[in-house]
Protein backbone atom coordinates (compact mmCIF):
# COMPACT_ATOMS: atom_id res chain seq x y z
CA UNK A 1 -0.01 0.11 0.19
CA UNK A 2 1.13 3.59 -0.62
CA UNK A 3 3.29 4.93 2.23
CA UNK A 4 2.60 8.08 3.68
CA UNK A 5 4.45 11.12 4.87
CA UNK A 6 3.48 12.81 8.19
CA UNK A 7 4.66 15.67 9.98
CA UNK A 8 5.26 13.76 13.23
CA UNK A 9 7.20 11.04 11.50
CA UNK A 10 10.41 11.63 9.67
CA UNK A 11 9.18 9.13 7.42
CA UNK A 12 9.02 8.51 3.68
CA UNK A 13 5.86 9.13 2.17
CA UNK A 14 4.47 8.69 -1.44
CA UNK A 15 6.34 11.51 -3.17
CA UNK A 16 5.04 14.50 -1.81
CA UNK A 17 1.96 13.23 0.10
CA UNK A 18 0.79 14.74 3.36
CA UNK A 19 -2.32 14.33 5.24
CA UNK A 20 -2.18 17.58 7.17
CA UNK A 21 -5.19 19.74 6.02
CA UNK A 22 -8.64 18.57 7.39
CA UNK A 23 -10.19 20.65 4.83
CA UNK A 24 -9.04 18.69 1.93
CA UNK A 25 -7.58 15.57 0.60
CA UNK A 26 -4.11 15.10 -0.95
CA UNK A 27 -3.51 13.50 -4.37
CA UNK A 28 -0.87 10.99 -4.42
CA UNK A 29 1.39 11.40 -7.25
CA UNK A 30 4.13 8.66 -7.57
CA UNK A 31 6.85 10.77 -9.27
CA UNK A 32 9.35 9.41 -11.69
CA UNK A 33 12.94 10.51 -10.57
CA UNK A 34 13.48 12.72 -13.49
CA UNK A 35 10.27 14.46 -13.43
CA UNK A 36 9.86 16.65 -10.21
CA UNK A 37 7.09 18.66 -11.70
CA UNK A 38 4.76 15.95 -12.66
CA UNK A 39 1.46 15.94 -10.75
CA UNK A 40 -1.91 17.66 -10.10
CA UNK A 41 -2.77 20.57 -8.18
CA UNK A 42 -5.37 19.36 -6.13
CA UNK A 43 -7.61 16.18 -5.27
CA UNK A 44 -11.27 15.44 -4.99
CA UNK A 45 -13.35 17.47 -2.44
CA UNK A 46 -15.31 16.12 0.42
CA UNK A 47 -17.53 17.87 3.07
CA UNK A 48 -15.39 17.72 6.19
CA UNK A 49 -17.75 19.53 8.29
CA UNK A 50 -20.79 17.30 7.64
CA UNK A 51 -22.53 16.24 10.84
CA UNK A 52 -21.90 12.58 10.30
CA UNK A 53 -18.19 13.30 9.62
CA UNK A 54 -17.92 15.42 12.82
CA UNK A 55 -19.63 12.62 14.86
CA UNK A 56 -17.13 10.06 13.32
CA UNK A 57 -14.27 12.33 13.83
CA UNK A 58 -15.01 12.82 17.55
CA UNK A 59 -15.33 9.10 18.20
CA UNK A 60 -11.83 8.55 16.50
CA UNK A 61 -10.43 11.52 18.61
CA UNK A 62 -11.70 9.75 21.81
CA UNK A 63 -10.13 6.27 20.48
CA UNK A 64 -6.81 8.23 19.90
CA UNK A 65 -6.76 9.71 23.41
CA UNK A 66 -7.61 6.25 24.82
CA UNK A 67 -4.74 4.90 22.98
CA UNK A 68 -2.36 7.36 24.01
CA UNK A 69 -3.23 7.40 27.73
CA UNK A 70 -3.54 3.50 28.21
CA UNK A 71 -0.15 3.04 26.44
CA UNK A 72 1.52 5.59 28.62
CA UNK A 73 0.74 3.32 31.47
CA UNK A 74 2.17 0.23 29.75
CA UNK A 75 4.94 1.16 27.59
CA UNK A 76 7.52 1.67 30.64
CA UNK A 77 7.25 -1.90 31.74
CA UNK A 78 7.18 -3.92 28.26
CA UNK A 79 10.72 -4.86 28.36
CA UNK A 80 9.75 -7.75 30.82
CA UNK A 81 8.08 -10.82 29.80
CA UNK A 82 4.91 -9.90 32.02
CA UNK A 83 5.00 -6.29 30.87
CA UNK A 84 5.38 -7.50 27.18
CA UNK A 85 2.36 -9.83 27.76
CA UNK A 86 0.33 -7.08 29.30
CA UNK A 87 1.05 -4.72 26.52
CA UNK A 88 -0.03 -7.29 23.87
CA UNK A 89 -3.03 -7.89 25.69
CA UNK A 90 -3.65 -4.20 25.72
CA UNK A 91 -3.00 -3.67 22.34
CA UNK A 92 -5.67 -6.46 21.54
CA UNK A 93 -8.22 -4.26 22.99
CA UNK A 94 -7.08 -0.80 21.91
CA UNK A 95 -5.96 -1.24 18.21
CA UNK A 96 -9.19 -2.87 17.00
CA UNK A 97 -11.13 0.06 18.42
CA UNK A 98 -8.72 2.72 16.86
CA UNK A 99 -9.14 1.20 13.50
CA UNK A 100 -12.84 0.53 13.72
CA UNK A 101 -13.20 4.20 14.61
CA UNK A 102 -10.73 5.22 11.90
CA UNK A 103 -12.58 3.08 9.42
CA UNK A 104 -15.99 4.75 10.27
CA UNK A 105 -14.12 8.26 9.99
CA UNK A 106 -12.81 7.48 6.45
CA UNK A 107 -16.36 5.98 5.43
CA UNK A 108 -18.11 8.98 6.48
CA UNK A 109 -15.63 11.31 4.58
CA UNK A 110 -15.93 9.27 1.33
CA UNK A 111 -19.94 9.30 1.55
CA UNK A 112 -19.77 13.06 1.06
CA UNK A 113 -18.03 12.95 -2.25
CA UNK A 114 -19.78 13.10 -5.48
CA UNK A 115 -18.25 9.80 -6.81
CA UNK A 116 -17.72 6.22 -5.33
CA UNK A 117 -14.09 4.92 -5.05
CA UNK A 118 -12.99 2.12 -7.35
CA UNK A 119 -10.87 0.22 -4.65
CA UNK A 120 -12.34 -3.47 -3.99
CA UNK A 121 -11.17 -6.60 -2.54
CA UNK A 122 -8.63 -8.34 -4.67
CA UNK A 123 -7.51 -5.15 -6.45
CA UNK A 124 -3.93 -5.15 -5.09
CA UNK A 125 -1.78 -3.19 -7.26
CA UNK A 126 -1.05 -0.66 -4.38
CA UNK A 127 0.31 -3.67 -2.32
CA UNK A 128 3.68 -3.38 -4.27
CA UNK A 129 4.38 -0.08 -2.59
CA UNK A 130 7.15 -0.18 0.49
CA UNK A 131 5.00 0.77 3.26
CA UNK A 132 6.38 3.55 5.56
CA UNK A 133 5.26 5.81 8.15
CA UNK A 134 3.94 3.09 10.50
CA UNK A 135 3.72 3.70 14.15
CA UNK A 136 5.42 1.54 16.79
CA UNK A 137 2.20 0.27 18.37
CA UNK A 138 0.87 -0.63 14.94
CA UNK A 139 4.19 -2.72 14.52
CA UNK A 140 3.75 -4.32 17.86
CA UNK A 141 0.11 -5.12 17.25
CA UNK A 142 0.62 -6.70 13.82
CA UNK A 143 3.64 -8.69 15.08
CA UNK A 144 1.41 -10.08 18.10
CA UNK A 145 -1.07 -11.10 15.33
CA UNK A 146 1.27 -12.92 13.19
CA UNK A 147 4.04 -14.11 15.26
CA UNK A 148 2.37 -17.62 16.10
CA UNK A 149 1.27 -18.37 12.45
CA UNK A 150 2.76 -21.19 10.68
CA UNK A 151 3.70 -18.96 7.80
CA UNK A 152 5.63 -16.48 10.04
CA UNK A 153 9.21 -17.92 9.21
CA UNK A 154 8.47 -17.39 5.29
CA UNK A 155 7.06 -14.04 6.04
CA UNK A 156 10.26 -13.20 7.77
CA UNK A 157 12.27 -14.27 4.77
CA UNK A 158 10.10 -12.13 2.53
CA UNK A 159 10.41 -9.16 4.75
CA UNK A 160 14.19 -9.37 4.74
CA UNK A 161 14.21 -9.68 1.14
CA UNK A 162 12.12 -6.66 0.49
CA UNK A 163 13.99 -4.50 3.13
CA UNK A 164 17.32 -5.39 1.61
CA UNK A 165 16.19 -4.69 -1.95
CA UNK A 166 14.64 -1.36 -0.76
CA UNK A 167 18.01 -0.42 0.90
CA UNK A 168 19.77 -1.12 -2.23
CA UNK A 169 17.58 1.23 -4.17
CA UNK A 170 18.24 4.14 -1.73
CA UNK A 171 21.94 4.02 -1.98
CA UNK A 172 23.65 7.31 -2.19
CA UNK A 173 22.96 10.68 -0.39
CA UNK A 174 20.37 10.24 2.55
CA UNK A 175 17.92 12.98 1.56
CA UNK A 176 14.36 13.17 0.75
CA UNK A 177 14.67 12.78 -2.84
CA UNK A 178 16.94 9.81 -2.68
CA UNK A 179 14.08 8.31 -0.59
CA UNK A 180 11.30 9.01 -3.09
CA UNK A 181 13.24 7.75 -5.89
CA UNK A 182 13.80 4.43 -4.11
CA UNK A 183 10.18 4.18 -3.21
CA UNK A 184 9.13 4.90 -6.92
CA UNK A 185 11.93 2.27 -8.11
CA UNK A 186 10.64 -0.27 -5.56
CA UNK A 187 7.11 0.21 -6.67
CA UNK A 188 8.03 -0.40 -10.40
CA UNK A 189 9.49 -3.74 -9.55
CA UNK A 190 6.00 -4.93 -8.67
CA UNK A 191 6.80 -7.16 -5.72
CA UNK A 192 3.71 -7.92 -3.74
CA UNK A 193 3.50 -7.72 0.02
CA UNK A 194 4.57 -10.83 1.73
CA UNK A 195 1.35 -10.55 3.53
CA UNK A 196 -0.88 -10.68 0.30
CA UNK A 197 -3.18 -13.67 0.16
CA UNK A 198 -4.48 -15.78 -2.83
CA UNK A 199 -6.82 -13.79 -4.94
CA UNK A 200 -5.32 -10.30 -3.99
CA UNK A 201 -6.80 -10.22 -0.55
CA UNK A 202 -4.82 -8.70 2.35
CA UNK A 203 -3.79 -11.83 4.56
CA UNK A 204 -3.66 -9.41 7.71
CA UNK A 205 -6.46 -7.06 6.76
CA UNK A 206 -7.81 -6.45 10.37
CA UNK A 207 -4.46 -5.52 11.66
CA UNK A 208 -2.95 -3.82 8.74
CA UNK A 209 -1.44 -0.13 9.61
CA UNK A 210 -3.23 3.19 8.90
CA UNK A 211 -0.69 3.65 5.84
CA UNK A 212 -2.59 0.67 4.39
CA UNK A 213 -6.17 2.17 5.12
CA UNK A 214 -6.01 5.78 4.15
CA UNK A 215 -5.24 5.35 0.18
CA UNK A 216 -8.10 5.40 -2.23
CA UNK A 217 -8.67 5.97 -5.91
CA UNK A 218 -11.29 7.26 -8.18
CA UNK A 219 -9.82 6.04 -11.49
CA UNK A 220 -9.53 2.51 -13.14
CA UNK A 221 -7.44 -0.14 -11.32
CA UNK A 222 -5.12 -0.31 -14.30
CA UNK A 223 -3.91 3.23 -13.48
CA UNK A 224 -2.72 1.91 -10.22
CA UNK A 225 -0.22 -0.40 -11.75
CA UNK A 226 3.50 0.40 -12.63
CA UNK A 227 4.18 3.60 -14.46
CA UNK A 228 0.41 4.08 -15.00
CA UNK A 229 0.37 5.77 -11.63
CA UNK A 230 1.89 8.82 -13.19
CA UNK A 231 -0.60 9.02 -16.09
CA UNK A 232 -2.95 12.04 -16.10
CA UNK A 233 -5.98 10.02 -15.44
CA UNK A 234 -4.66 8.74 -12.22
CA UNK A 235 -6.84 9.92 -9.33
CA UNK A 236 -5.30 8.44 -6.41
CA UNK A 237 -5.57 10.28 -3.11
CA UNK A 238 -5.09 10.00 0.71
CA UNK A 239 -7.70 11.20 3.22
CA UNK A 240 -6.24 13.44 5.78
CA UNK A 241 -6.74 13.62 9.64
CA UNK A 242 -7.08 16.63 11.75
CA UNK A 243 -4.01 17.85 13.52
CA UNK A 244 -4.78 17.21 17.02
CA UNK A 245 -5.46 13.47 16.27
CA UNK A 246 -2.30 13.24 14.39
CA UNK A 247 -0.61 14.71 17.53
CA UNK A 248 -2.21 12.36 19.85
CA UNK A 249 -1.35 9.42 17.62
CA UNK A 250 2.26 10.69 17.45
CA UNK A 251 2.54 11.17 21.31
CA UNK A 252 1.47 7.39 21.60
CA UNK A 253 4.08 6.21 19.25
CA UNK A 254 6.92 8.30 21.03
CA UNK A 255 6.46 6.21 24.07
CA UNK A 256 8.40 3.53 22.30
CA UNK A 257 11.11 5.81 21.05
CA UNK A 258 13.77 3.88 23.06
CA UNK A 259 13.40 0.99 20.92
CA UNK A 260 14.35 2.97 17.65
CA UNK A 261 11.89 0.96 15.57
CA UNK A 262 12.22 1.78 11.91
CA UNK A 263 9.05 3.31 10.60
CA UNK A 264 8.84 1.18 7.51
CA UNK A 265 6.63 -1.89 7.69
CA UNK A 266 9.11 -4.58 6.96
CA UNK A 267 12.07 -3.30 8.75
CA UNK A 268 9.85 -2.25 11.67
CA UNK A 269 8.37 -5.76 12.14
CA UNK A 270 11.81 -7.43 11.91
CA UNK A 271 13.08 -5.08 14.63
CA UNK A 272 10.20 -5.75 16.78
CA UNK A 273 10.94 -9.35 16.40
CA UNK A 274 14.54 -8.66 17.39
CA UNK A 275 13.65 -6.80 20.61
CA UNK A 276 10.62 -9.04 21.73
CA UNK A 277 11.14 -12.08 20.12
CA UNK A 278 12.55 -13.85 23.12
CA UNK A 279 9.44 -13.16 25.16
CA UNK A 280 7.25 -15.00 22.28
CA UNK A 281 9.78 -17.79 21.98
CA UNK A 282 9.64 -18.43 25.82
CA UNK A 283 5.74 -18.31 25.74
CA UNK A 284 5.80 -20.82 22.78
CA UNK A 285 7.91 -23.31 24.73
CA UNK A 286 5.61 -22.90 27.92
CA UNK A 287 2.99 -25.60 28.60
CA UNK A 288 -0.48 -24.29 27.66
């Protein structure tokens, strides 16, 4: 799914995509490395002050605040087996609620638009992006969901390979343009996400991060593949969040800053396993 670039995360987003202004949406314009001016000036318009949108926004705001306050009480002790188990149990309660409220908010925004999005189950062209701007609590939650699965070893291998490829594409000066070029070149490789299941469906759909939940298109799916994403008819976009909700989510993520989790999905999950895998392994060995 298309990565995003947030103000609170130093991370890499789809070439120039932000989600700052709650009064508009931002077009996603994957840009060829040699075409810095390619793109569109605006995106589709929605009614952000509609009553239903305001109601859903407030519910999302409450979920973000609950996440922040709850994690503040758990993050400090998560480096023990008991603390880590408590954190995972807490995330199992908090993250589905946050994602539910986020989905309701996004759906209410989309309902105010004059057109319906073309995204549907099985349309997975966007699942060839190198996903970035993933918060630490999202990494921890997803790790907890996939760690005990029988396909976890193969997924780890897949994540290592994709992370290594991206690092090779990112060689050179460590600046934003180099990051954007690497993201674009990675996408053109057409390498599917290791969590993609048969039929083009997401294999971790309920636990996928927000970067995989905020990307939409009004154009034909064929324009979401390869170099077609730079075509004039491409109408991909991200829905932005109010800044106070962004700030609360950022503060929740900062509670885990000491672990230095990479904010890219694959490298971040590998780092979570490096830090906490010993607790998972001990739990696997313990009698049920």
